[in-house]
Protein backbone atom coordinates (compact mmCIF):
# COMPACT_ATOMS: atom_id res chain seq x y z
CA MET A 1 24.12 42.25 50.44
CA LEU A 2 25.30 40.93 53.80
CA HIS A 3 23.89 37.65 55.08
CA ASP A 4 26.41 36.55 57.68
CA MET A 5 30.03 37.07 58.68
CA MET A 6 32.39 35.73 61.30
CA PRO A 7 33.23 38.01 64.25
CA GLY A 8 36.17 40.25 63.43
CA VAL A 9 35.54 40.72 59.70
CA GLU A 10 34.52 44.36 59.97
CA GLU A 11 37.50 45.22 62.16
CA LEU A 12 39.87 43.41 59.78
CA LEU A 13 38.58 45.29 56.72
CA GLN A 14 38.89 48.64 58.49
CA ARG A 15 42.35 47.90 59.82
CA GLU A 16 44.33 46.78 56.75
CA GLU A 17 44.30 45.92 53.06
CA VAL A 18 42.74 42.46 52.90
CA THR A 19 43.05 39.84 50.18
CA ALA A 20 39.72 38.05 49.73
CA TYR A 21 38.47 35.48 47.29
CA VAL A 22 35.31 34.18 45.71
CA GLY A 23 35.06 30.79 44.03
CA ILE A 24 33.39 30.48 40.63
CA ASP A 25 32.10 27.15 39.42
CA PRO A 26 33.15 26.70 35.76
CA THR A 27 30.15 24.64 34.64
CA ALA A 28 29.69 26.80 31.52
CA ASP A 29 31.86 29.07 29.36
CA SER A 30 29.86 32.10 30.49
CA LEU A 31 28.77 33.53 33.79
CA HIS A 32 25.07 34.14 34.34
CA ILE A 33 23.38 36.79 36.45
CA GLY A 34 23.43 34.51 39.50
CA HIS A 35 27.22 35.04 39.50
CA LEU A 36 26.77 38.81 39.47
CA VAL A 37 26.28 38.90 43.24
CA SER A 38 29.76 37.48 43.86
CA ILE A 39 31.21 39.78 41.21
CA MET A 40 29.65 42.81 42.89
CA MET A 41 31.13 41.70 46.23
CA LEU A 42 34.59 41.60 44.63
CA ARG A 43 33.95 44.92 42.91
CA HIS A 44 32.99 46.64 46.18
CA LEU A 45 35.99 45.03 47.87
CA GLN A 46 38.40 46.42 45.26
CA GLU A 47 36.73 49.86 45.26
CA CYS A 48 37.39 50.01 49.02
CA GLY A 49 41.11 49.33 48.54
CA HIS A 50 41.25 45.59 49.16
CA LYS A 51 42.58 42.90 46.80
CA PRO A 52 40.08 40.60 45.05
CA LEU A 53 40.85 37.08 43.89
CA ALA A 54 38.48 35.22 41.58
CA VAL A 55 39.15 31.49 41.81
CA ILE A 56 37.92 29.27 39.01
CA GLY A 57 37.01 25.89 40.48
CA GLY A 58 38.78 23.80 37.86
CA ALA A 59 39.44 21.01 40.37
CA THR A 60 36.31 21.32 42.48
CA GLY A 61 34.28 21.70 39.28
CA MET A 62 35.35 18.17 38.39
CA ILE A 63 33.59 16.98 41.54
CA GLY A 64 30.54 19.20 41.99
CA ASP A 65 29.50 21.10 45.11
CA PRO A 66 26.65 19.29 46.93
CA SER A 67 25.39 22.56 48.47
CA MET A 68 21.76 23.26 47.49
CA LYS A 69 21.82 20.21 45.17
CA SER A 70 19.49 17.25 45.60
CA THR A 71 21.35 14.98 43.19
CA GLU A 72 24.91 14.28 42.10
CA ARG A 73 26.10 16.48 39.23
CA ASN A 74 27.75 15.45 36.00
CA LEU A 75 31.53 15.69 36.10
CA LEU A 76 33.42 17.85 33.61
CA ASN A 77 36.59 16.89 31.75
CA GLU A 78 39.69 19.09 31.64
CA ASP A 79 39.21 20.29 28.04
CA THR A 80 35.72 21.56 28.88
CA LEU A 81 36.94 23.18 32.07
CA ARG A 82 39.77 25.03 30.28
CA LYS A 83 37.34 26.28 27.62
CA ASN A 84 34.95 27.46 30.32
CA GLU A 85 37.78 29.15 32.23
CA ALA A 86 38.79 31.15 29.13
CA GLY A 87 35.20 32.36 28.63
CA ILE A 88 34.84 33.39 32.28
CA ARG A 89 38.23 35.14 32.27
CA ALA A 90 37.18 37.28 29.28
CA GLN A 91 34.06 38.39 31.15
CA LEU A 92 35.66 39.13 34.52
CA ILE A 93 38.09 41.59 32.93
CA LYS A 94 35.09 43.89 32.36
CA PHE A 95 34.10 44.00 36.02
CA LEU A 96 37.37 43.99 37.97
CA ASP A 97 40.61 45.92 37.45
CA PHE A 98 43.44 43.49 36.59
CA ASP A 99 45.93 46.28 35.75
CA ALA A 100 49.36 45.19 37.01
CA ALA A 101 50.13 48.80 37.97
CA ARG A 102 47.35 48.81 40.55
CA PRO A 103 48.58 47.71 44.02
CA ASN A 104 45.31 45.89 44.78
CA ARG A 105 44.86 44.53 41.26
CA ALA A 106 42.44 41.65 40.80
CA GLU A 107 43.82 38.21 40.00
CA LEU A 108 42.21 35.18 38.41
CA LEU A 109 43.38 31.78 39.61
CA ASN A 110 42.35 28.19 38.93
CA ASN A 111 42.44 25.68 41.77
CA TYR A 112 43.20 22.91 39.29
CA ASP A 113 46.71 24.35 39.00
CA TRP A 114 47.60 23.62 42.66
CA THR A 115 45.50 20.47 43.00
CA LYS A 116 46.34 18.44 39.88
CA ASP A 117 49.69 17.16 41.19
CA TYR A 118 48.56 16.65 44.77
CA THR A 119 48.48 12.89 45.39
CA PHE A 120 45.58 11.24 47.15
CA LEU A 121 47.83 9.91 49.92
CA SER A 122 49.30 13.35 50.56
CA PHE A 123 45.84 14.93 50.60
CA VAL A 124 44.33 12.50 53.13
CA ARG A 125 47.45 12.75 55.30
CA ASP A 126 47.93 16.53 55.15
CA ILE A 127 44.32 17.70 54.99
CA GLY A 128 41.95 14.85 55.86
CA LYS A 129 43.45 14.16 59.29
CA HIS A 130 42.74 17.71 60.50
CA ILE A 131 38.96 17.72 59.87
CA THR A 132 36.82 15.09 61.57
CA VAL A 133 33.96 13.25 59.89
CA ASN A 134 31.73 14.49 62.73
CA TYR A 135 32.60 18.09 61.77
CA MET A 136 31.92 17.42 58.10
CA MET A 137 28.61 15.65 58.83
CA SER A 138 27.38 18.66 60.81
CA LYS A 139 27.34 20.88 57.69
CA ASP A 140 23.91 21.68 56.28
CA SER A 141 25.02 20.86 52.73
CA VAL A 142 25.76 17.30 53.88
CA LYS A 143 22.86 16.86 56.30
CA LYS A 144 20.24 17.94 53.76
CA ARG A 145 21.49 15.42 51.23
CA LEU A 146 21.54 12.59 53.73
CA THR A 147 18.18 13.32 55.34
CA GLY A 148 16.27 14.98 52.47
CA GLU A 149 13.19 13.59 50.79
CA GLU A 150 15.16 12.23 47.84
CA ARG A 151 17.35 10.16 50.18
CA GLU A 152 19.75 9.53 47.31
CA GLY A 153 22.65 10.08 49.64
CA MET A 154 25.94 11.43 48.37
CA SER A 155 29.08 9.87 47.00
CA PHE A 156 32.46 10.03 48.70
CA THR A 157 33.45 12.30 45.80
CA GLU A 158 30.94 14.95 46.80
CA PHE A 159 31.54 14.39 50.50
CA THR A 160 35.17 15.46 50.02
CA TYR A 161 34.14 18.74 48.34
CA GLN A 162 34.36 20.79 51.53
CA LEU A 163 37.86 19.44 52.19
CA LEU A 164 38.98 20.50 48.72
CA GLN A 165 37.46 23.95 49.15
CA GLY A 166 39.06 24.14 52.59
CA TYR A 167 42.41 23.28 51.03
CA ASP A 168 41.92 26.10 48.49
CA PHE A 169 41.55 28.57 51.35
CA LEU A 170 44.63 27.15 53.07
CA TYR A 171 46.67 27.34 49.85
CA LEU A 172 45.60 30.95 49.21
CA TYR A 173 46.29 31.82 52.85
CA ASP A 174 49.85 30.48 52.43
CA THR A 175 50.61 31.87 48.95
CA GLN A 176 48.49 35.03 48.67
CA ASN A 177 48.06 36.03 52.33
CA CYS A 178 44.31 35.59 51.72
CA ARG A 179 42.41 36.05 54.97
CA LEU A 180 38.80 36.24 53.80
CA GLN A 181 36.56 34.05 51.66
CA MET A 182 33.22 35.33 50.41
CA GLY A 183 30.31 33.58 48.75
CA GLY A 184 26.59 32.88 48.81
CA SER A 185 24.94 31.87 52.07
CA ASP A 186 24.82 28.24 50.86
CA GLN A 187 28.65 28.28 50.97
CA TRP A 188 28.92 29.02 54.70
CA GLY A 189 29.70 25.41 55.63
CA ASN A 190 32.40 25.04 52.95
CA ILE A 191 33.99 28.39 53.81
CA THR A 192 34.12 27.78 57.55
CA THR A 193 35.74 24.38 56.92
CA GLY A 194 38.57 26.38 55.34
CA THR A 195 38.85 28.74 58.30
CA GLU A 196 38.96 25.74 60.64
CA LEU A 197 41.66 24.04 58.56
CA ILE A 198 43.79 27.21 58.64
CA ARG A 199 43.35 27.42 62.42
CA ARG A 200 44.29 23.79 62.98
CA LYS A 201 47.21 23.57 60.52
CA ARG A 202 48.70 27.05 60.79
CA GLY A 203 47.31 28.42 64.01
CA GLY A 204 46.17 31.31 61.81
CA GLU A 205 43.03 33.40 61.71
CA ALA A 206 40.86 33.48 58.61
CA PHE A 207 37.35 34.76 58.06
CA ALA A 208 34.07 34.11 56.22
CA LEU A 209 31.52 36.54 54.79
CA THR A 210 28.39 35.55 52.87
CA CYS A 211 25.67 37.33 50.93
CA PRO A 212 22.03 36.21 50.69
CA LEU A 213 20.94 33.86 47.94
CA ILE A 214 19.00 36.11 45.60
CA THR A 215 15.40 35.13 44.95
CA LYS A 216 12.41 36.88 43.44
CA ALA A 217 9.82 38.48 45.71
CA ASP A 218 7.34 35.72 44.81
CA GLY A 219 9.81 33.06 45.92
CA GLY A 220 10.73 32.06 42.37
CA LYS A 221 14.29 31.36 41.33
CA PHE A 222 16.24 34.49 40.45
CA GLY A 223 17.72 34.72 36.97
CA LYS A 224 15.66 31.94 35.43
CA THR A 225 13.30 32.56 32.51
CA GLU A 226 11.23 30.23 30.36
CA THR A 227 14.25 29.86 28.09
CA GLY A 228 16.70 29.19 30.94
CA ASN A 229 19.44 31.25 32.58
CA VAL A 230 20.05 34.92 31.81
CA TRP A 231 23.68 34.80 30.67
CA LEU A 232 26.30 37.53 30.55
CA ASP A 233 27.52 36.27 27.16
CA PRO A 234 25.67 38.28 24.47
CA ALA A 235 25.71 35.22 22.19
CA ARG A 236 23.69 33.29 24.77
CA THR A 237 21.42 36.10 25.99
CA SER A 238 21.20 39.11 23.69
CA PRO A 239 21.70 42.56 25.26
CA TYR A 240 18.06 43.27 24.32
CA ALA A 241 16.76 40.18 26.18
CA PHE A 242 19.13 41.01 29.07
CA TYR A 243 17.78 44.57 29.24
CA GLN A 244 14.19 43.33 29.09
CA PHE A 245 14.77 40.91 31.98
CA TRP A 246 15.66 43.76 34.33
CA LEU A 247 13.06 46.11 32.89
CA ASN A 248 10.28 43.63 33.68
CA VAL A 249 11.12 42.81 37.30
CA SER A 250 8.49 43.62 39.93
CA ASP A 251 8.56 46.82 41.99
CA ALA A 252 9.67 44.89 45.09
CA ASP A 253 12.47 43.14 43.20
CA ALA A 254 13.63 46.37 41.53
CA ALA A 255 13.92 48.06 44.95
CA ARG A 256 16.16 45.21 46.15
CA TYR A 257 18.16 44.55 42.99
CA ILE A 258 19.19 48.17 42.45
CA LYS A 259 21.04 48.06 45.78
CA ILE A 260 22.80 44.79 44.94
CA PHE A 261 23.59 44.96 41.23
CA THR A 262 24.58 48.61 40.71
CA MET A 263 27.28 50.90 42.09
CA LEU A 264 24.83 53.75 42.66
CA GLY A 265 25.20 55.55 45.99
CA ARG A 266 22.63 55.39 48.76
CA ASP A 267 21.37 58.97 48.26
CA GLU A 268 20.72 58.38 44.55
CA ILE A 269 18.95 55.09 45.22
CA ASP A 270 16.79 56.71 47.91
CA ALA A 271 15.84 59.49 45.48
CA LEU A 272 14.98 56.95 42.76
CA MET A 273 12.82 54.96 45.16
CA ALA A 274 11.01 58.09 46.35
CA ALA A 275 10.31 59.11 42.73
CA HIS A 276 9.09 55.58 41.98
CA ALA A 277 6.73 55.66 44.97
CA ASP A 278 5.18 58.87 43.61
CA ALA A 279 4.65 57.45 40.10
CA PRO A 280 5.07 53.65 40.08
CA HIS A 281 3.33 53.40 36.68
CA ALA A 282 6.32 55.17 35.07
CA ARG A 283 8.60 52.29 36.20
CA GLU A 284 11.55 54.67 36.54
CA LEU A 285 13.19 52.35 39.05
CA GLN A 286 13.13 49.43 36.61
CA LYS A 287 14.34 51.65 33.76
CA ARG A 288 17.33 52.88 35.75
CA LEU A 289 18.11 49.37 37.01
CA ALA A 290 18.02 47.98 33.47
CA LYS A 291 20.19 50.81 32.16
CA GLU A 292 22.85 50.51 34.88
CA ILE A 293 23.23 46.73 34.60
CA THR A 294 23.11 46.61 30.79
CA CYS A 295 25.86 49.27 30.59
CA PHE A 296 27.87 47.48 33.28
CA VAL A 297 27.68 44.00 31.74
CA HIS A 298 27.57 44.96 28.04
CA SER A 299 28.10 48.61 27.03
CA GLU A 300 26.35 51.93 26.71
CA ALA A 301 26.01 51.30 22.95
CA ASP A 302 24.28 47.98 23.67
CA TYR A 303 21.96 49.74 26.11
CA HIS A 304 20.94 52.32 23.51
CA ALA A 305 20.47 49.56 20.91
CA ALA A 306 18.24 47.66 23.37
CA LEU A 307 16.30 50.85 24.05
CA GLU A 308 15.79 51.41 20.32
CA ALA A 309 14.80 47.79 19.81
CA SER A 310 12.18 48.16 22.57
CA GLN A 311 10.58 50.92 20.54
CA ILE A 312 9.99 48.50 17.65
CA LEU A 313 7.35 46.68 19.67
CA PHE A 314 6.18 49.32 22.09
CA GLY A 315 6.78 52.65 20.40
CA ASN A 316 6.80 54.46 17.09
CA ALA A 317 9.89 52.85 15.63
CA THR A 318 10.68 53.53 11.99
CA SER A 319 11.71 51.26 9.17
CA GLU A 320 15.22 52.65 9.57
CA THR A 321 15.37 51.51 13.21
CA LEU A 322 14.30 48.05 12.17
CA ARG A 323 16.97 47.82 9.47
CA LYS A 324 19.69 48.82 11.95
CA THR A 325 18.72 45.99 14.29
CA ASP A 326 21.04 42.98 14.18
CA GLU A 327 19.58 39.53 13.59
CA GLN A 328 19.97 38.30 17.17
CA THR A 329 18.17 41.34 18.59
CA PHE A 330 15.50 41.22 15.89
CA LEU A 331 14.70 37.59 16.75
CA ALA A 332 14.78 38.36 20.50
CA VAL A 333 12.33 41.25 20.06
CA PHE A 334 9.90 39.05 18.16
CA ASP A 335 10.42 35.87 20.13
CA GLY A 336 7.22 33.82 19.97
CA VAL A 337 5.82 35.63 16.91
CA PRO A 338 4.49 33.25 14.21
CA VAL A 339 7.10 32.57 11.50
CA PHE A 340 6.42 31.58 7.89
CA ASP A 341 9.13 30.33 5.53
CA ILE A 342 9.32 30.99 1.79
CA GLU A 343 11.95 30.11 -0.79
CA ALA A 344 14.28 32.85 -2.03
CA ASP A 345 13.34 32.18 -5.66
CA ALA A 346 9.71 33.09 -4.83
CA MET A 347 10.70 36.75 -4.82
CA PRO A 348 9.75 39.24 -6.10
CA VAL A 349 6.13 38.47 -5.22
CA GLY A 350 2.95 40.51 -4.95
CA ILE A 351 2.05 41.55 -1.41
CA VAL A 352 -1.38 39.87 -1.52
CA GLU A 353 0.06 36.66 -3.00
CA LEU A 354 2.77 36.67 -0.33
CA LEU A 355 0.45 37.12 2.64
CA ALA A 356 -2.54 35.04 1.60
CA ALA A 357 -1.09 32.30 -0.65
CA LYS A 358 2.65 31.85 0.01
CA THR A 359 1.99 32.24 3.76
CA ALA A 360 -1.10 32.15 5.99
CA VAL A 361 -0.86 35.65 7.42
CA PHE A 362 -4.36 36.17 5.95
CA PRO A 363 -6.95 33.44 5.37
CA SER A 364 -7.89 34.94 1.98
CA LYS A 365 -6.70 37.42 -0.62
CA GLY A 366 -9.90 39.41 -0.20
CA GLU A 367 -9.30 39.91 3.51
CA CYS A 368 -5.73 41.00 2.79
CA ARG A 369 -6.86 43.58 0.22
CA LYS A 370 -9.53 44.84 2.61
CA MET A 371 -6.97 45.47 5.39
CA ILE A 372 -4.64 47.25 2.95
CA GLN A 373 -7.47 49.50 1.82
CA GLY A 374 -8.29 50.28 5.47
CA GLY A 375 -4.67 51.26 6.19
CA GLY A 376 -4.19 48.47 8.73
CA LEU A 377 -1.21 46.66 7.20
CA SER A 378 2.48 47.47 7.61
CA LEU A 379 5.54 45.79 6.15
CA ASN A 380 8.81 46.45 8.00
CA LYS A 381 7.06 49.28 9.88
CA GLU A 382 6.00 50.98 6.63
CA LYS A 383 2.27 51.27 5.97
CA ILE A 384 1.19 49.45 2.78
CA LEU A 385 -1.43 51.27 0.70
CA ASP A 386 -0.99 49.50 -2.66
CA SER A 387 -2.49 46.01 -3.10
CA ASN A 388 -0.34 45.53 -6.21
CA LEU A 389 2.97 46.17 -4.42
CA ALA A 390 5.75 43.77 -5.48
CA VAL A 391 7.94 42.66 -2.56
CA ASP A 392 11.54 42.05 -3.61
CA ALA A 393 14.76 41.04 -1.83
CA GLY A 394 15.70 44.68 -1.31
CA ARG A 395 13.12 44.88 1.46
CA LEU A 396 14.60 42.07 3.53
CA ILE A 397 15.85 42.80 7.05
CA ASN A 398 19.28 41.22 7.63
CA ASN A 399 18.87 39.74 4.12
CA ARG A 400 16.43 37.17 5.53
CA TYR A 401 13.31 38.59 7.14
CA LEU A 402 10.14 40.55 6.51
CA LEU A 403 8.10 41.90 9.41
CA VAL A 404 4.36 42.01 8.84
CA GLN A 405 2.05 43.91 11.17
CA LYS A 406 -1.73 43.54 11.13
CA GLY A 407 -3.47 46.28 13.08
CA LYS A 408 -1.65 47.55 16.17
CA LYS A 409 -0.45 44.38 17.88
CA GLN A 410 -0.44 41.38 15.54
CA TYR A 411 3.03 40.58 14.20
CA PHE A 412 4.27 37.91 11.79
CA ILE A 413 7.74 37.13 10.46
CA ILE A 414 8.40 35.84 6.97
CA ARG A 415 11.77 34.13 6.72
CA VAL A 416 13.41 33.65 3.33
CA LYS A 417 15.30 30.36 3.08
C-alpha cells in the first residue's frame, strides 16, 4: 500500500501516537471503492494506536482538485456539499471507531467550517505570500495541465487548490497537532505544499505518506464497470453487484487487492495465495476477497444474501430462494436479461398464452407446448409440466415479476405493470 513517504515518517510512527488525516472529496453522497484505499490507510493507522482524521473537502470541493484531471470540474453548491457530507459521514462510521471513550478515536471534519469566514485578503496575505508561484508551477498536477495535449490550461480557481489544501494541513497542525497527511500518489504535490507551508510559517515539521493509485492488471481503471462506479451505498450498487465485482477480478488483481482491501494477516494471505496457485480454477482467492470486503462494507447477512443470489444463476437455487430475494438484488442478478411487460389485469393467464402471445418468449404456441412437454421450461425456478397451467398474481416475485427459464441458460423476465 506504500508508494512514497517523506524521510522520518517511519521513525515518527514508531516513536509516538500520531494524528494523521486523509482528505475526501465530497462530489457525491456516497463513497465508492476508489475511496476504500484511503479508508484502509486510516483503519490501519487507528489499529496501530494512532489517531485518524477524515476531512471532508467542503471548501476544496467547491473548487475541484486539478490532480489527474484534464479539464476543469463543475463546482458544487453548499446544499449539495452538506448532503454529500451527511452521506459520507454515515458510511465512515462503519469503518473507523468514533467512540468518544477511545483515546485515539476517529474524527470527521469539514474544511468548509474553517475556510468559509476566511477573507480573500487574509488568505493571500497569510498563506499566499509564503508559497512562491515557481514552487506551485513545479507540481506535476499543474505542469500536466499546462503542457498536456488538451492545452486547456487551468483557471486561477484550480491553481489555488494546493494553497487551500496546504492551509488545511496548517490548520490541522495548529488545532489537532496533526503531523501527517496521507493520500493517493496523485496528491503528493498538494500534500508537500502543506508540509512546506508548516515549515515556513511555524518552523514545524510535518510529513507526507502516499499509497499507489489502484489500477487493474490490464491497465484499466479500477472500480469502473460498464454501469459506472462501484459505490459503497447499497442503493447505488447492490450488495450482490458489489460482491460480484470482487468475485470476478482477475487472479493478478485478486492477489494484489486482498493485501490492500482486507485486514487479513500476512500468514493467512500467503496461505490463501498458495492454495490458489494449486487450484486456480476454484477461485478461492476471489471468493475470500469478495467475502471479506462485502462483510466489511455491508454486513455478513448481505454477504450470505449475495451468495444465495449467485446460486440463482449459477447453481441449483430453489423457488424459495428466489422469493426471498429483494427487488434490487433480483434485478441486479438478471441485469441485461430481456424484459417483457404485461398489464396486471391480464392475469390470471394460461402459461402458453402468456409466453407466446402476451410476450415473445416463444415465437409460437406450438413451440412453447413442445418445450413444456420436453421438460425444458421453468417458471420462478419451478419446472412447468402442464401446458394448461394458469399463472396468477400469487406467483409474482416481489409482487411484480415472473422469471422464465428456457433450457439451462436462457432467462426472461415478465414485469407486471
